[in-house]
Amino acid sequence: MREWCDVAHVYRKCGPLIEDEPEPDCPGHDPVMTDTNRKEPQPATAILLYTPAMSNQPKRHVTVSLRMTRFELPPVESALVVGRRSPIGSNALEKALGELLPGVFRRIEVQHPVIEALIVRDSHTRRISEDKLVRLLIRHAEDMMDETETLRVTADLVISSSEDIEL
């Protein structure tokens, strides 16, 4: 007599076996061996597997979106927003960027419960006042980060200018 068994959601024929009759069709199921004295098959043990259908938990899935680009120097476009307990502190980040590109980035310490400092591209502070740039970056970063993170910021600054000329 053969029975169906559910092993890892794959149905295979397996069931009670005699000791010298191996079952190669069911690699995930450990068959019940017979008692050597009686040589009669014993009933197969029931295997109850936990399946998501048995749970009252909501179904979950993750959608992953990847964007891959070539690594370029500098690894920072416009700014870094460094959390107070970031694994790499703002002093170390400023020093590392200073080694790669001397004089390009500047560290600005801020008084904020989550953010320790901003490391900004120096040329950005020539286009926007430092105070306005700092407030803008903090306002957008503070709600999406915690104090253990460092956010990389890419800011596209477009300056438009127009002038009327008399003809």
N, C-alpha and C. Protein backbone atom coordinates (compact mmCIF):
# COMPACT_ATOMS: atom_id res chain seq x y z
N MET A 1 0.82 -1.17 0.00
CA MET A 1 0.00 0.00 0.00
C MET A 1 0.88 1.25 0.00
N ARG A 2 0.59 2.20 -0.87
CA ARG A 2 1.34 3.45 -0.96
C ARG A 2 0.46 4.60 -0.46
N GLU A 3 1.08 5.61 0.15
CA GLU A 3 0.38 6.79 0.61
C GLU A 3 1.06 8.03 0.05
N TRP A 4 0.32 9.12 -0.02
CA TRP A 4 0.91 10.38 -0.47
C TRP A 4 1.45 11.13 0.74
N CYS A 5 2.59 11.72 0.58
CA CYS A 5 3.15 12.52 1.66
C CYS A 5 3.54 13.87 1.11
N ASP A 6 3.39 14.91 1.92
CA ASP A 6 3.69 16.27 1.49
C ASP A 6 5.01 16.69 2.12
N VAL A 7 6.06 16.71 1.33
CA VAL A 7 7.36 17.14 1.80
C VAL A 7 7.75 18.36 0.99
N ALA A 8 7.90 19.48 1.66
CA ALA A 8 8.27 20.74 1.02
C ALA A 8 7.34 21.08 -0.13
N HIS A 9 6.06 20.81 0.06
CA HIS A 9 5.03 21.13 -0.92
C HIS A 9 5.22 20.41 -2.25
N VAL A 10 5.91 19.30 -2.26
CA VAL A 10 6.08 18.48 -3.46
C VAL A 10 5.50 17.12 -3.15
N TYR A 11 4.55 16.70 -3.95
CA TYR A 11 3.91 15.42 -3.70
C TYR A 11 4.71 14.32 -4.38
N ARG A 12 5.08 13.32 -3.58
CA ARG A 12 5.81 12.17 -4.11
C ARG A 12 5.19 10.92 -3.51
N LYS A 13 5.28 9.82 -4.23
CA LYS A 13 4.79 8.56 -3.67
C LYS A 13 5.82 8.02 -2.71
N CYS A 14 5.39 7.77 -1.52
CA CYS A 14 6.24 7.10 -0.54
C CYS A 14 5.32 6.47 0.48
N GLY A 15 5.84 5.79 1.40
CA GLY A 15 4.96 5.18 2.38
C GLY A 15 5.68 4.10 3.14
N PRO A 16 4.92 3.15 3.70
CA PRO A 16 5.54 2.09 4.49
C PRO A 16 6.42 1.21 3.62
N LEU A 17 7.58 0.94 4.14
CA LEU A 17 8.56 0.16 3.37
C LEU A 17 9.06 -1.01 4.19
N ILE A 18 9.57 -1.98 3.50
CA ILE A 18 10.28 -3.08 4.15
C ILE A 18 11.74 -2.69 4.14
N GLU A 19 12.49 -3.14 5.13
CA GLU A 19 13.85 -2.69 5.35
C GLU A 19 14.72 -2.77 4.11
N ASP A 20 14.66 -3.82 3.35
CA ASP A 20 15.53 -3.94 2.20
C ASP A 20 14.89 -3.39 0.92
N GLU A 21 13.85 -2.60 1.01
CA GLU A 21 13.24 -2.01 -0.17
C GLU A 21 13.40 -0.48 -0.09
N PRO A 22 14.50 0.07 -0.59
CA PRO A 22 14.71 1.53 -0.50
C PRO A 22 13.73 2.27 -1.41
N GLU A 23 13.40 3.49 -1.04
CA GLU A 23 12.49 4.32 -1.83
C GLU A 23 13.26 5.50 -2.41
N PRO A 24 13.75 5.40 -3.65
CA PRO A 24 14.55 6.48 -4.23
C PRO A 24 13.72 7.68 -4.69
N ASP A 25 12.40 7.54 -4.78
CA ASP A 25 11.57 8.62 -5.32
C ASP A 25 11.32 9.76 -4.34
N CYS A 26 11.62 9.58 -3.08
CA CYS A 26 11.27 10.59 -2.10
C CYS A 26 12.48 10.97 -1.27
N PRO A 27 13.39 11.83 -1.80
CA PRO A 27 14.62 12.15 -1.08
C PRO A 27 14.39 12.99 0.17
N GLY A 28 13.30 13.74 0.25
CA GLY A 28 13.08 14.60 1.40
C GLY A 28 12.37 13.92 2.54
N HIS A 29 11.98 12.67 2.38
CA HIS A 29 11.19 11.98 3.40
C HIS A 29 11.99 10.81 3.94
N ASP A 30 12.10 10.74 5.25
CA ASP A 30 12.80 9.64 5.88
C ASP A 30 11.78 8.53 6.09
N PRO A 31 11.83 7.46 5.31
CA PRO A 31 10.80 6.42 5.42
C PRO A 31 10.88 5.69 6.75
N VAL A 32 9.74 5.19 7.17
CA VAL A 32 9.67 4.41 8.40
C VAL A 32 10.12 2.99 8.07
N MET A 33 11.11 2.51 8.81
CA MET A 33 11.63 1.16 8.55
C MET A 33 10.81 0.16 9.35
N THR A 34 10.83 -1.07 8.90
CA THR A 34 10.05 -2.11 9.57
C THR A 34 10.84 -2.69 10.73
N ASP A 35 10.14 -3.37 11.57
CA ASP A 35 10.76 -4.08 12.67
C ASP A 35 11.46 -5.30 12.08
N THR A 36 12.74 -5.47 12.33
CA THR A 36 13.51 -6.56 11.71
C THR A 36 13.01 -7.95 12.11
N ASN A 37 12.44 -8.06 13.27
CA ASN A 37 11.96 -9.38 13.69
C ASN A 37 10.70 -9.79 12.96
N ARG A 38 9.81 -8.83 12.66
CA ARG A 38 8.53 -9.19 12.10
C ARG A 38 8.52 -9.13 10.58
N LYS A 39 9.32 -8.30 9.96
CA LYS A 39 9.36 -8.12 8.51
C LYS A 39 8.01 -7.68 7.96
N GLU A 40 7.22 -6.99 8.79
CA GLU A 40 5.94 -6.45 8.33
C GLU A 40 6.06 -4.93 8.30
N PRO A 41 5.48 -4.33 7.30
CA PRO A 41 5.56 -2.86 7.25
C PRO A 41 4.76 -2.22 8.37
N GLN A 42 5.35 -1.16 8.94
CA GLN A 42 4.65 -0.37 9.94
C GLN A 42 4.03 0.84 9.22
N PRO A 43 3.00 1.42 9.80
CA PRO A 43 2.38 2.56 9.14
C PRO A 43 3.35 3.75 9.06
N ALA A 44 3.24 4.50 7.98
CA ALA A 44 4.09 5.68 7.80
C ALA A 44 3.69 6.74 8.80
N THR A 45 4.68 7.47 9.31
CA THR A 45 4.38 8.55 10.23
C THR A 45 3.89 9.76 9.45
N ALA A 46 2.95 10.45 10.03
CA ALA A 46 2.40 11.64 9.38
C ALA A 46 3.34 12.81 9.63
N ILE A 47 3.62 13.56 8.58
CA ILE A 47 4.47 14.74 8.69
C ILE A 47 3.58 15.95 8.49
N LEU A 48 3.54 16.81 9.48
CA LEU A 48 2.73 18.01 9.38
C LEU A 48 3.67 19.19 9.18
N LEU A 49 3.63 19.78 8.02
CA LEU A 49 4.48 20.92 7.72
C LEU A 49 3.72 22.21 7.91
N TYR A 50 4.41 23.23 8.43
CA TYR A 50 3.81 24.55 8.57
C TYR A 50 3.80 25.21 7.21
N THR A 51 2.64 25.60 6.78
CA THR A 51 2.53 26.28 5.49
C THR A 51 1.89 27.64 5.71
N PRO A 52 2.18 28.62 4.85
CA PRO A 52 1.56 29.93 5.00
C PRO A 52 0.04 29.89 4.98
N ALA A 53 -0.55 28.90 4.32
CA ALA A 53 -2.00 28.81 4.26
C ALA A 53 -2.59 28.49 5.64
N MET A 54 -1.79 27.91 6.52
CA MET A 54 -2.26 27.56 7.84
C MET A 54 -2.22 28.75 8.79
N SER A 55 -1.62 29.83 8.42
CA SER A 55 -1.41 30.96 9.29
C SER A 55 -2.46 32.04 9.07
N ASN A 56 -2.71 32.80 10.12
CA ASN A 56 -3.60 33.94 10.00
C ASN A 56 -2.82 35.21 9.69
N GLN A 57 -1.52 35.08 9.49
CA GLN A 57 -0.68 36.23 9.19
C GLN A 57 -0.96 36.74 7.79
N PRO A 58 -0.85 38.06 7.57
CA PRO A 58 -1.05 38.59 6.22
C PRO A 58 0.09 38.17 5.31
N LYS A 59 -0.20 38.07 4.03
CA LYS A 59 0.84 37.73 3.07
C LYS A 59 1.77 38.93 2.92
N ARG A 60 3.04 38.66 2.78
CA ARG A 60 4.02 39.72 2.61
C ARG A 60 4.85 39.44 1.38
N HIS A 61 5.23 40.48 0.71
CA HIS A 61 6.15 40.34 -0.40
C HIS A 61 7.03 41.58 -0.44
N VAL A 62 8.14 41.46 -1.07
CA VAL A 62 9.09 42.55 -1.20
C VAL A 62 9.31 42.82 -2.67
N THR A 63 9.21 44.07 -3.03
CA THR A 63 9.53 44.47 -4.39
C THR A 63 10.88 45.16 -4.34
N VAL A 64 11.80 44.69 -5.14
CA VAL A 64 13.15 45.23 -5.15
C VAL A 64 13.38 45.93 -6.47
N SER A 65 13.86 47.14 -6.39
CA SER A 65 14.21 47.90 -7.57
C SER A 65 15.69 48.25 -7.47
N LEU A 66 16.46 47.85 -8.43
CA LEU A 66 17.90 48.09 -8.42
C LEU A 66 18.28 49.13 -9.46
N ARG A 67 19.19 49.99 -9.08
CA ARG A 67 19.76 50.95 -10.02
C ARG A 67 21.26 50.84 -9.90
N MET A 68 21.90 50.37 -10.95
CA MET A 68 23.35 50.18 -10.91
C MET A 68 24.01 51.16 -11.85
N THR A 69 25.03 51.81 -11.33
CA THR A 69 25.81 52.73 -12.15
C THR A 69 27.28 52.46 -11.91
N ARG A 70 28.07 52.96 -12.79
CA ARG A 70 29.51 52.80 -12.66
C ARG A 70 29.98 53.64 -11.47
N PHE A 71 30.89 53.10 -10.68
CA PHE A 71 31.44 53.83 -9.55
C PHE A 71 32.34 54.93 -10.08
N GLU A 72 32.08 56.13 -9.61
CA GLU A 72 32.86 57.27 -10.06
C GLU A 72 33.36 58.05 -8.86
N LEU A 73 34.42 58.78 -9.06
CA LEU A 73 34.92 59.66 -8.02
C LEU A 73 34.48 61.08 -8.33
N PRO A 74 34.03 61.81 -7.40
CA PRO A 74 33.85 61.44 -6.00
C PRO A 74 32.61 60.59 -5.81
N PRO A 75 32.59 59.77 -4.78
CA PRO A 75 31.41 58.95 -4.52
C PRO A 75 30.23 59.77 -4.00
N VAL A 76 30.45 61.05 -3.72
CA VAL A 76 29.41 61.95 -3.24
C VAL A 76 29.20 63.01 -4.30
N GLU A 77 27.95 63.21 -4.71
CA GLU A 77 27.65 64.24 -5.71
C GLU A 77 27.58 65.62 -5.08
N SER A 78 26.61 65.81 -4.18
CA SER A 78 26.36 67.15 -3.64
C SER A 78 26.63 67.25 -2.15
N ALA A 79 26.12 66.30 -1.38
CA ALA A 79 26.25 66.40 0.07
C ALA A 79 26.05 65.05 0.74
N LEU A 80 26.48 64.98 1.99
CA LEU A 80 26.19 63.85 2.88
C LEU A 80 25.50 64.43 4.11
N VAL A 81 24.45 63.76 4.57
CA VAL A 81 23.79 64.13 5.82
C VAL A 81 24.16 63.02 6.79
N VAL A 82 24.95 63.34 7.82
CA VAL A 82 25.53 62.34 8.71
C VAL A 82 24.76 62.32 10.03
N GLY A 83 24.27 61.14 10.41
CA GLY A 83 23.56 60.97 11.67
C GLY A 83 24.50 60.99 12.86
N ARG A 84 23.95 61.29 14.03
CA ARG A 84 24.76 61.42 15.25
C ARG A 84 25.49 60.13 15.64
N ARG A 85 24.91 58.98 15.36
CA ARG A 85 25.55 57.70 15.71
C ARG A 85 25.87 56.89 14.46
N SER A 86 26.22 57.57 13.41
CA SER A 86 26.58 56.90 12.15
C SER A 86 27.85 56.07 12.36
N PRO A 87 27.94 54.89 11.72
CA PRO A 87 29.14 54.06 11.89
C PRO A 87 30.43 54.77 11.47
N ILE A 88 30.34 55.63 10.49
CA ILE A 88 31.49 56.45 10.09
C ILE A 88 31.12 57.89 10.38
N GLY A 89 31.84 58.51 11.29
CA GLY A 89 31.51 59.85 11.72
C GLY A 89 31.80 60.91 10.67
N SER A 90 31.30 62.11 10.93
CA SER A 90 31.45 63.20 9.95
C SER A 90 32.91 63.64 9.81
N ASN A 91 33.70 63.57 10.89
CA ASN A 91 35.12 63.93 10.79
C ASN A 91 35.86 62.98 9.86
N ALA A 92 35.61 61.67 10.02
CA ALA A 92 36.26 60.67 9.18
C ALA A 92 35.83 60.80 7.72
N LEU A 93 34.54 61.07 7.50
CA LEU A 93 34.06 61.24 6.13
C LEU A 93 34.67 62.48 5.48
N GLU A 94 34.75 63.56 6.23
CA GLU A 94 35.37 64.79 5.69
C GLU A 94 36.83 64.55 5.35
N LYS A 95 37.51 63.83 6.21
CA LYS A 95 38.94 63.53 5.99
C LYS A 95 39.12 62.65 4.74
N ALA A 96 38.26 61.62 4.60
CA ALA A 96 38.36 60.73 3.43
C ALA A 96 38.07 61.48 2.14
N LEU A 97 37.04 62.32 2.14
CA LEU A 97 36.74 63.10 0.93
C LEU A 97 37.83 64.12 0.66
N GLY A 98 38.45 64.66 1.72
CA GLY A 98 39.57 65.59 1.56
C GLY A 98 40.78 64.94 0.92
N GLU A 99 40.98 63.64 1.21
CA GLU A 99 42.09 62.90 0.58
C GLU A 99 41.81 62.67 -0.90
N LEU A 100 40.55 62.34 -1.23
CA LEU A 100 40.20 62.10 -2.63
C LEU A 100 40.18 63.38 -3.44
N LEU A 101 39.54 64.40 -2.90
CA LEU A 101 39.36 65.67 -3.61
C LEU A 101 39.60 66.83 -2.64
N PRO A 102 40.83 67.26 -2.50
CA PRO A 102 41.11 68.34 -1.54
C PRO A 102 40.38 69.63 -1.90
N GLY A 103 39.75 70.24 -0.90
CA GLY A 103 39.11 71.53 -1.07
C GLY A 103 37.76 71.53 -1.77
N VAL A 104 37.19 70.37 -2.06
CA VAL A 104 35.93 70.30 -2.79
C VAL A 104 34.73 70.26 -1.83
N PHE A 105 34.87 69.60 -0.67
CA PHE A 105 33.77 69.45 0.28
C PHE A 105 34.10 70.13 1.59
N ARG A 106 33.04 70.58 2.26
CA ARG A 106 33.19 71.24 3.55
C ARG A 106 32.21 70.64 4.54
N ARG A 107 32.67 70.46 5.78
CA ARG A 107 31.83 69.91 6.85
C ARG A 107 31.18 71.06 7.61
N ILE A 108 29.87 70.94 7.81
CA ILE A 108 29.11 71.95 8.55
C ILE A 108 28.40 71.26 9.70
N GLU A 109 28.80 71.57 10.94
CA GLU A 109 28.14 70.98 12.11
C GLU A 109 26.80 71.67 12.32
N VAL A 110 25.79 70.88 12.75
CA VAL A 110 24.46 71.43 13.00
C VAL A 110 23.98 71.00 14.38
N GLN A 111 23.08 71.77 14.94
CA GLN A 111 22.45 71.44 16.22
C GLN A 111 21.10 70.81 15.90
N HIS A 112 21.07 69.48 15.94
CA HIS A 112 19.87 68.73 15.59
C HIS A 112 19.88 67.43 16.39
N PRO A 113 18.72 66.93 16.82
CA PRO A 113 18.70 65.69 17.62
C PRO A 113 19.14 64.44 16.85
N VAL A 114 18.98 64.41 15.53
CA VAL A 114 19.31 63.23 14.74
C VAL A 114 20.58 63.44 13.90
N ILE A 115 20.74 64.63 13.36
CA ILE A 115 21.82 64.92 12.40
C ILE A 115 22.99 65.59 13.11
N GLU A 116 24.20 65.03 12.89
CA GLU A 116 25.41 65.59 13.48
C GLU A 116 25.99 66.70 12.61
N ALA A 117 26.10 66.41 11.30
CA ALA A 117 26.75 67.37 10.41
C ALA A 117 26.33 67.11 8.97
N LEU A 118 26.61 68.10 8.15
CA LEU A 118 26.43 67.99 6.70
C LEU A 118 27.80 68.17 6.07
N ILE A 119 28.06 67.38 5.07
CA ILE A 119 29.28 67.57 4.29
C ILE A 119 28.80 67.96 2.90
N VAL A 120 29.05 69.21 2.53
CA VAL A 120 28.49 69.75 1.29
C VAL A 120 29.59 70.14 0.31
N ARG A 121 29.24 70.07 -0.95
CA ARG A 121 30.14 70.51 -2.00
C ARG A 121 30.27 72.03 -1.87
N ASP A 122 31.50 72.50 -1.81
CA ASP A 122 31.77 73.91 -1.60
C ASP A 122 31.15 74.80 -2.67
N SER A 123 31.11 74.33 -3.91
CA SER A 123 30.55 75.13 -4.99
C SER A 123 29.05 75.39 -4.81
N HIS A 124 28.36 74.50 -4.10
CA HIS A 124 26.92 74.70 -3.86
C HIS A 124 26.67 75.91 -2.95
N THR A 125 27.59 76.13 -2.02
CA THR A 125 27.40 77.26 -1.10
C THR A 125 27.72 78.59 -1.79
N ARG A 126 28.27 78.56 -2.97
CA ARG A 126 28.45 79.79 -3.75
C ARG A 126 27.18 80.11 -4.54
N ARG A 127 26.36 79.14 -4.79
CA ARG A 127 25.12 79.34 -5.54
C ARG A 127 23.92 79.60 -4.63
N ILE A 128 23.91 78.93 -3.47
CA ILE A 128 22.85 79.11 -2.46
C ILE A 128 23.57 79.45 -1.16
N SER A 129 23.00 80.33 -0.38
CA SER A 129 23.65 80.65 0.89
C SER A 129 23.75 79.40 1.75
N GLU A 130 24.80 79.33 2.53
CA GLU A 130 25.03 78.15 3.37
C GLU A 130 23.86 77.90 4.30
N ASP A 131 23.33 78.96 4.89
CA ASP A 131 22.21 78.83 5.82
C ASP A 131 20.97 78.23 5.13
N LYS A 132 20.63 78.72 3.95
CA LYS A 132 19.46 78.19 3.23
C LYS A 132 19.69 76.75 2.79
N LEU A 133 20.90 76.43 2.35
CA LEU A 133 21.21 75.06 1.92
C LEU A 133 21.10 74.10 3.10
N VAL A 134 21.65 74.49 4.25
CA VAL A 134 21.59 73.64 5.45
C VAL A 134 20.14 73.40 5.87
N ARG A 135 19.34 74.45 5.92
CA ARG A 135 17.93 74.30 6.30
C ARG A 135 17.18 73.41 5.31
N LEU A 136 17.45 73.57 4.03
CA LEU A 136 16.81 72.76 2.99
C LEU A 136 17.16 71.28 3.16
N LEU A 137 18.44 70.98 3.34
CA LEU A 137 18.87 69.58 3.47
C LEU A 137 18.30 68.95 4.74
N ILE A 138 18.33 69.67 5.85
CA ILE A 138 17.81 69.12 7.11
C ILE A 138 16.31 68.88 7.00
N ARG A 139 15.58 69.82 6.44
CA ARG A 139 14.13 69.69 6.33
C ARG A 139 13.73 68.44 5.54
N HIS A 140 14.48 68.13 4.50
CA HIS A 140 14.13 66.97 3.68
C HIS A 140 14.69 65.66 4.23
N ALA A 141 15.78 65.72 4.99
CA ALA A 141 16.42 64.50 5.47
C ALA A 141 15.92 64.03 6.83
N GLU A 142 15.51 64.94 7.69
CA GLU A 142 15.23 64.58 9.08
C GLU A 142 14.08 63.59 9.24
N ASP A 143 13.10 63.61 8.36
CA ASP A 143 11.97 62.70 8.49
C ASP A 143 12.23 61.31 7.93
N MET A 144 13.28 61.15 7.16
CA MET A 144 13.52 59.85 6.53
C MET A 144 14.77 59.13 7.03
N MET A 145 15.39 59.65 8.06
CA MET A 145 16.61 58.98 8.55
C MET A 145 16.58 58.87 10.06
N ASP A 146 17.41 57.95 10.55
CA ASP A 146 17.62 57.90 11.99
C ASP A 146 19.07 58.25 12.25
N GLU A 147 19.43 58.30 13.52
CA GLU A 147 20.76 58.81 13.86
C GLU A 147 21.91 57.86 13.52
N THR A 148 21.62 56.65 13.08
CA THR A 148 22.69 55.72 12.71
C THR A 148 22.99 55.72 11.21
N GLU A 149 22.30 56.56 10.46
CA GLU A 149 22.45 56.55 9.00
C GLU A 149 23.22 57.76 8.49
N THR A 150 23.71 57.60 7.27
CA THR A 150 24.28 58.70 6.51
C THR A 150 23.61 58.69 5.15
N LEU A 151 23.02 59.81 4.78
CA LEU A 151 22.33 59.90 3.50
C LEU A 151 23.21 60.62 2.49
N ARG A 152 23.22 60.08 1.28
CA ARG A 152 23.94 60.72 0.18
C ARG A 152 22.93 61.56 -0.60
N VAL A 153 23.27 62.79 -0.86
CA VAL A 153 22.35 63.72 -1.51
C VAL A 153 22.91 64.12 -2.87
N THR A 154 22.04 64.10 -3.86
CA THR A 154 22.36 64.64 -5.17
C THR A 154 21.40 65.80 -5.41
N ALA A 155 21.95 66.98 -5.54
CA ALA A 155 21.13 68.18 -5.77
C ALA A 155 21.49 68.75 -7.13
N ASP A 156 20.48 68.93 -7.95
CA ASP A 156 20.69 69.57 -9.25
C ASP A 156 20.35 71.05 -9.08
N LEU A 157 21.37 71.87 -9.12
CA LEU A 157 21.17 73.30 -8.98
C LEU A 157 21.16 73.92 -10.37
N VAL A 158 20.06 74.51 -10.71
CA VAL A 158 19.94 75.17 -12.00
C VAL A 158 19.74 76.65 -11.75
N ILE A 159 20.62 77.42 -12.25
CA ILE A 159 20.52 78.87 -12.10
C ILE A 159 20.00 79.43 -13.40
N SER A 160 18.90 80.14 -13.30
CA SER A 160 18.38 80.78 -14.51
C SER A 160 18.49 82.29 -14.36
N SER A 161 18.83 82.93 -15.41
CA SER A 161 19.04 84.36 -15.37
C SER A 161 18.47 84.96 -16.65
N SER A 162 17.86 86.11 -16.53
CA SER A 162 17.36 86.79 -17.72
C SER A 162 17.59 88.28 -17.57
N GLU A 163 17.66 88.93 -18.66
CA GLU A 163 17.93 90.36 -18.66
C GLU A 163 17.22 91.00 -19.84
N ASP A 164 16.65 92.15 -19.60
CA ASP A 164 16.04 92.91 -20.70
C ASP A 164 17.06 93.91 -21.23
N ILE A 165 17.20 93.97 -22.52
CA ILE A 165 18.13 94.89 -23.16
C ILE A 165 17.33 95.80 -24.10
N GLU A 166 17.57 97.08 -23.98
CA GLU A 166 16.90 98.01 -24.90
C GLU A 166 17.55 97.99 -26.24
N LEU A 167 16.73 98.06 -27.28
CA LEU A 167 17.25 98.09 -28.65
C LEU A 167 17.23 99.46 -29.23
